[in-house]
Amino acid sequence: MWITSRSHYGLITMSELARSYGQGPVSLNYIAEKQSMPMAYLEQLVSPLRKAGLVRATRGQRGGFELLVPPDQVTVKQVVRALDGDYSPVECVSEAYEQGACVREDECASRFVWQQLKESMNQVLDNITLADLSREPESVLQKVGSVVEILSK
């Protein structure tokens, strides 16, 4: 599975919540307007994020959503997983794959490539937090660059 628009919009939503961490609930209307995102789509995104224990809802006039965990303790991988499940570029390296399901399994020349891609992607996603995303883009790029440099050794 490739990264979907659910994860993309989910990360934008979670970044907004990270920027407001400790300041009380943020309304989905505010996020929808600020980020030019459809309100109905945001409403669909917060349910799996709540189930994953990443956000909580507060009802009422000053209600909205807020992070349950500090932004520096929530990784991009956690958000992607909550919204889309396991990231795998191809089925044979996914967590749900059952051994023997592919007839080429024993002689597949490309499975190693997909496994390496999955592991590299997971390392990058696991090393970037919501706190990183709420900072300037240059600092995130520096962090991604250092992770990629480590992976290439």
C-alpha atoms as a PDB file:
ATOM      1  CA  MET A   1       0.000   0.000   0.000  1.00  0.00           C
ATOM      2  CA  TRP A   2       1.273   3.441  -0.891  1.00  0.00           C
ATOM      3  CA  ILE A   3       0.799   6.466   1.308  1.00  0.00           C
ATOM      4  CA  THR A   4      -2.769   7.634   0.760  1.00  0.00           C
ATOM      5  CA  SER A   5      -4.538  10.970   0.919  1.00  0.00           C
ATOM      6  CA  ARG A   6      -5.866   9.814   4.316  1.00  0.00           C
ATOM      7  CA  SER A   7      -2.322   9.773   5.673  1.00  0.00           C
ATOM      8  CA  HIS A   8      -1.435  12.997   3.885  1.00  0.00           C
ATOM      9  CA  TYR A   9      -4.437  14.906   5.276  1.00  0.00           C
ATOM     10  CA  GLY A  10      -4.087  13.117   8.601  1.00  0.00           C
ATOM     11  CA  LEU A  11      -0.527  14.371   9.003  1.00  0.00           C
ATOM     12  CA  ILE A  12      -1.613  17.905   8.156  1.00  0.00           C
ATOM     13  CA  THR A  13      -4.369  17.642  10.769  1.00  0.00           C
ATOM     14  CA  MET A  14      -2.033  16.190  13.384  1.00  0.00           C
ATOM     15  CA  SER A  15       0.559  18.902  12.639  1.00  0.00           C
ATOM     16  CA  GLU A  16      -2.072  21.555  13.373  1.00  0.00           C
ATOM     17  CA  LEU A  17      -2.893  19.820  16.650  1.00  0.00           C
ATOM     18  CA  ALA A  18       0.827  19.641  17.462  1.00  0.00           C
ATOM     19  CA  ARG A  19       1.212  23.402  16.925  1.00  0.00           C
ATOM     20  CA  SER A  20      -1.605  23.947  19.435  1.00  0.00           C
ATOM     21  CA  TYR A  21      -0.474  21.330  21.939  1.00  0.00           C
ATOM     22  CA  GLY A  22      -1.165  22.392  25.522  1.00  0.00           C
ATOM     23  CA  GLN A  23      -3.478  25.229  24.472  1.00  0.00           C
ATOM     24  CA  GLY A  24      -6.750  23.288  24.570  1.00  0.00           C
ATOM     25  CA  PRO A  25      -8.945  21.716  21.901  1.00  0.00           C
ATOM     26  CA  VAL A  26      -8.806  22.839  18.268  1.00  0.00           C
ATOM     27  CA  SER A  27     -11.981  22.749  16.206  1.00  0.00           C
ATOM     28  CA  LEU A  28     -12.055  20.824  12.968  1.00  0.00           C
ATOM     29  CA  ASN A  29     -13.627  23.911  11.370  1.00  0.00           C
ATOM     30  CA  TYR A  30     -10.477  25.865  12.187  1.00  0.00           C
ATOM     31  CA  ILE A  31      -8.235  23.192  10.649  1.00  0.00           C
ATOM     32  CA  ALA A  32     -10.476  22.803   7.594  1.00  0.00           C
ATOM     33  CA  GLU A  33     -10.433  26.542   6.923  1.00  0.00           C
ATOM     34  CA  LYS A  34      -6.739  27.049   7.651  1.00  0.00           C
ATOM     35  CA  GLN A  35      -5.623  24.099   5.512  1.00  0.00           C
ATOM     36  CA  SER A  36      -8.330  24.307   2.819  1.00  0.00           C
ATOM     37  CA  MET A  37      -9.468  20.778   3.567  1.00  0.00           C
ATOM     38  CA  PRO A  38     -13.010  19.369   3.361  1.00  0.00           C
ATOM     39  CA  MET A  39     -14.655  19.254   6.786  1.00  0.00           C
ATOM     40  CA  ALA A  40     -16.414  15.955   6.039  1.00  0.00           C
ATOM     41  CA  TYR A  41     -13.064  14.322   5.266  1.00  0.00           C
ATOM     42  CA  LEU A  42     -11.517  15.604   8.494  1.00  0.00           C
ATOM     43  CA  GLU A  43     -14.404  14.134  10.447  1.00  0.00           C
ATOM     44  CA  GLN A  44     -13.617  10.730   8.926  1.00  0.00           C
ATOM     45  CA  LEU A  45      -9.932  11.022   9.841  1.00  0.00           C
ATOM     46  CA  VAL A  46     -10.284  11.738  13.542  1.00  0.00           C
ATOM     47  CA  SER A  47     -12.111   8.502  14.371  1.00  0.00           C
ATOM     48  CA  PRO A  48      -9.155   6.165  13.679  1.00  0.00           C
ATOM     49  CA  LEU A  49      -6.811   8.671  15.334  1.00  0.00           C
ATOM     50  CA  ARG A  50      -8.990   8.549  18.459  1.00  0.00           C
ATOM     51  CA  LYS A  51      -9.078   4.741  18.384  1.00  0.00           C
ATOM     52  CA  ALA A  52      -5.282   4.700  18.159  1.00  0.00           C
ATOM     53  CA  GLY A  53      -5.076   6.830  21.319  1.00  0.00           C
ATOM     54  CA  LEU A  54      -3.459   9.771  19.544  1.00  0.00           C
ATOM     55  CA  VAL A  55      -6.207  12.387  19.971  1.00  0.00           C
ATOM     56  CA  ARG A  56      -9.157  13.086  22.203  1.00  0.00           C
ATOM     57  CA  ALA A  57     -12.377  14.935  21.545  1.00  0.00           C
ATOM     58  CA  THR A  58     -13.948  17.553  23.768  1.00  0.00           C
ATOM     59  CA  ARG A  59     -17.594  18.424  23.239  1.00  0.00           C
ATOM     60  CA  GLY A  60     -19.208  21.780  23.662  1.00  0.00           C
ATOM     61  CA  GLN A  61     -18.831  25.330  22.447  1.00  0.00           C
ATOM     62  CA  ARG A  62     -15.074  25.369  23.111  1.00  0.00           C
ATOM     63  CA  GLY A  63     -14.706  21.759  22.049  1.00  0.00           C
ATOM     64  CA  GLY A  64     -12.547  20.198  19.414  1.00  0.00           C
ATOM     65  CA  PHE A  65      -9.619  17.828  19.266  1.00  0.00           C
ATOM     66  CA  GLU A  66      -6.235  17.744  20.943  1.00  0.00           C
ATOM     67  CA  LEU A  67      -3.249  15.442  21.099  1.00  0.00           C
ATOM     68  CA  LEU A  68      -3.197  12.947  23.952  1.00  0.00           C
ATOM     69  CA  VAL A  69       0.573  12.566  23.721  1.00  0.00           C
ATOM     70  CA  PRO A  70       3.234  15.296  23.419  1.00  0.00           C
ATOM     71  CA  PRO A  71       4.103  16.030  19.763  1.00  0.00           C
ATOM     72  CA  ASP A  72       7.706  14.886  20.208  1.00  0.00           C
ATOM     73  CA  GLN A  73       6.435  11.423  21.183  1.00  0.00           C
ATOM     74  CA  VAL A  74       4.146  10.840  18.179  1.00  0.00           C
ATOM     75  CA  THR A  75       5.844   9.627  15.003  1.00  0.00           C
ATOM     76  CA  VAL A  76       4.670   9.966  11.438  1.00  0.00           C
ATOM     77  CA  LYS A  77       4.653   6.162  11.323  1.00  0.00           C
ATOM     78  CA  GLN A  78       2.111   6.006  14.166  1.00  0.00           C
ATOM     79  CA  VAL A  79      -0.209   8.395  12.339  1.00  0.00           C
ATOM     80  CA  VAL A  80       0.141   6.575   8.996  1.00  0.00           C
ATOM     81  CA  ARG A  81      -0.484   3.231  10.691  1.00  0.00           C
ATOM     82  CA  ALA A  82      -3.559   4.520  12.504  1.00  0.00           C
ATOM     83  CA  LEU A  83      -5.041   5.784   9.243  1.00  0.00           C
ATOM     84  CA  ASP A  84      -3.847   3.270   6.650  1.00  0.00           C
ATOM     85  CA  GLY A  85      -2.370   0.292   8.462  1.00  0.00           C
ATOM     86  CA  ASP A  86       0.917  -1.326   7.513  1.00  0.00           C
ATOM     87  CA  TYR A  87       2.946   0.367   4.769  1.00  0.00           C
ATOM     88  CA  SER A  88       4.196  -2.098   2.170  1.00  0.00           C
ATOM     89  CA  PRO A  89       5.164  -1.314  -1.420  1.00  0.00           C
ATOM     90  CA  VAL A  90       4.027  -4.795  -2.499  1.00  0.00           C
ATOM     91  CA  GLU A  91       1.885  -7.490  -0.905  1.00  0.00           C
ATOM     92  CA  CYS A  92       4.648 -10.058  -0.355  1.00  0.00           C
ATOM     93  CA  VAL A  93       6.423  -7.871   2.234  1.00  0.00           C
ATOM     94  CA  SER A  94       3.304  -6.819   4.131  1.00  0.00           C
ATOM     95  CA  GLU A  95       2.546  -8.015   7.641  1.00  0.00           C
ATOM     96  CA  ALA A  96      -0.621  -9.692   6.364  1.00  0.00           C
ATOM     97  CA  TYR A  97       1.221 -11.759   3.739  1.00  0.00           C
ATOM     98  CA  GLU A  98       0.847 -15.503   4.154  1.00  0.00           C
ATOM     99  CA  GLN A  99       3.903 -17.600   3.305  1.00  0.00           C
ATOM    100  CA  GLY A 100       3.439 -19.538   0.089  1.00  0.00           C
ATOM    101  CA  ALA A 101       0.785 -17.213  -1.348  1.00  0.00           C
ATOM    102  CA  CYS A 102       3.051 -16.275  -4.264  1.00  0.00           C
ATOM    103  CA  VAL A 103       4.252 -18.946  -6.675  1.00  0.00           C
ATOM    104  CA  ARG A 104       7.509 -17.014  -7.251  1.00  0.00           C
ATOM    105  CA  GLU A 105       8.254 -16.615  -3.555  1.00  0.00           C
ATOM    106  CA  ASP A 106      11.345 -18.867  -3.456  1.00  0.00           C
ATOM    107  CA  GLU A 107      12.977 -17.459  -6.587  1.00  0.00           C
ATOM    108  CA  CYS A 108      11.773 -13.849  -6.604  1.00  0.00           C
ATOM    109  CA  ALA A 109      14.577 -11.523  -7.644  1.00  0.00           C
ATOM    110  CA  SER A 110      12.840  -8.329  -6.543  1.00  0.00           C
ATOM    111  CA  ARG A 111      11.432  -9.193  -3.094  1.00  0.00           C
ATOM    112  CA  PHE A 112      14.689  -8.112  -1.442  1.00  0.00           C
ATOM    113  CA  VAL A 113      14.338  -4.662  -3.052  1.00  0.00           C
ATOM    114  CA  TRP A 114      10.775  -4.231  -1.777  1.00  0.00           C
ATOM    115  CA  GLN A 115      11.738  -5.385   1.701  1.00  0.00           C
ATOM    116  CA  GLN A 116      14.597  -2.876   1.798  1.00  0.00           C
ATOM    117  CA  LEU A 117      12.286  -0.110   0.559  1.00  0.00           C
ATOM    118  CA  LYS A 118       9.739  -0.954   3.248  1.00  0.00           C
ATOM    119  CA  GLU A 119      12.359  -0.975   6.010  1.00  0.00           C
ATOM    120  CA  SER A 120      13.906   2.295   4.825  1.00  0.00           C
ATOM    121  CA  MET A 121      10.533   3.985   4.554  1.00  0.00           C
ATOM    122  CA  ASN A 122       9.538   2.752   8.010  1.00  0.00           C
ATOM    123  CA  GLN A 123      12.796   4.072   9.483  1.00  0.00           C
ATOM    124  CA  VAL A 124      12.209   7.509   7.997  1.00  0.00           C
ATOM    125  CA  LEU A 125       8.568   7.568   9.142  1.00  0.00           C
ATOM    126  CA  ASP A 126       9.583   6.380  12.606  1.00  0.00           C
ATOM    127  CA  ASN A 127      12.246   9.085  12.993  1.00  0.00           C
ATOM    128  CA  ILE A 128      10.076  12.101  12.231  1.00  0.00           C
ATOM    129  CA  THR A 129       7.710  13.311  14.939  1.00  0.00           C
ATOM    130  CA  LEU A 130       4.788  15.702  14.935  1.00  0.00           C
ATOM    131  CA  ALA A 131       7.065  18.162  16.738  1.00  0.00           C
ATOM    132  CA  ASP A 132       9.397  18.003  13.722  1.00  0.00           C
ATOM    133  CA  LEU A 133       6.496  18.643  11.339  1.00  0.00           C
ATOM    134  CA  SER A 134       5.320  21.651  13.315  1.00  0.00           C
ATOM    135  CA  ARG A 135       8.724  23.314  12.869  1.00  0.00           C
ATOM    136  CA  GLU A 136      10.176  24.938   9.790  1.00  0.00           C
ATOM    137  CA  PRO A 137      10.371  22.640   6.719  1.00  0.00           C
ATOM    138  CA  GLU A 138      14.163  23.011   6.554  1.00  0.00           C
ATOM    139  CA  SER A 139      14.625  21.316   9.938  1.00  0.00           C
ATOM    140  CA  VAL A 140      12.494  18.359   8.804  1.00  0.00           C
ATOM    141  CA  LEU A 141      14.534  18.053   5.618  1.00  0.00           C
ATOM    142  CA  GLN A 142      17.746  18.043   7.669  1.00  0.00           C
ATOM    143  CA  LYS A 143      16.382  15.252   9.858  1.00  0.00           C
ATOM    144  CA  VAL A 144      15.241  13.206   6.846  1.00  0.00           C
ATOM    145  CA  GLY A 145      18.632  13.784   5.238  1.00  0.00           C
ATOM    146  CA  SER A 146      20.455  12.456   8.291  1.00  0.00           C
ATOM    147  CA  VAL A 147      18.215   9.357   8.413  1.00  0.00           C
ATOM    148  CA  VAL A 148      18.776   8.723   4.708  1.00  0.00           C
ATOM    149  CA  GLU A 149      22.528   9.167   5.201  1.00  0.00           C
ATOM    150  CA  ILE A 150      22.488   6.557   7.987  1.00  0.00           C
ATOM    151  CA  LEU A 151      20.442   4.168   5.831  1.00  0.00           C
ATOM    152  CA  SER A 152      22.827   4.460   2.906  1.00  0.00           C
ATOM    153  CA  LYS A 153      25.830   3.284   4.928  1.00  0.00           C
END
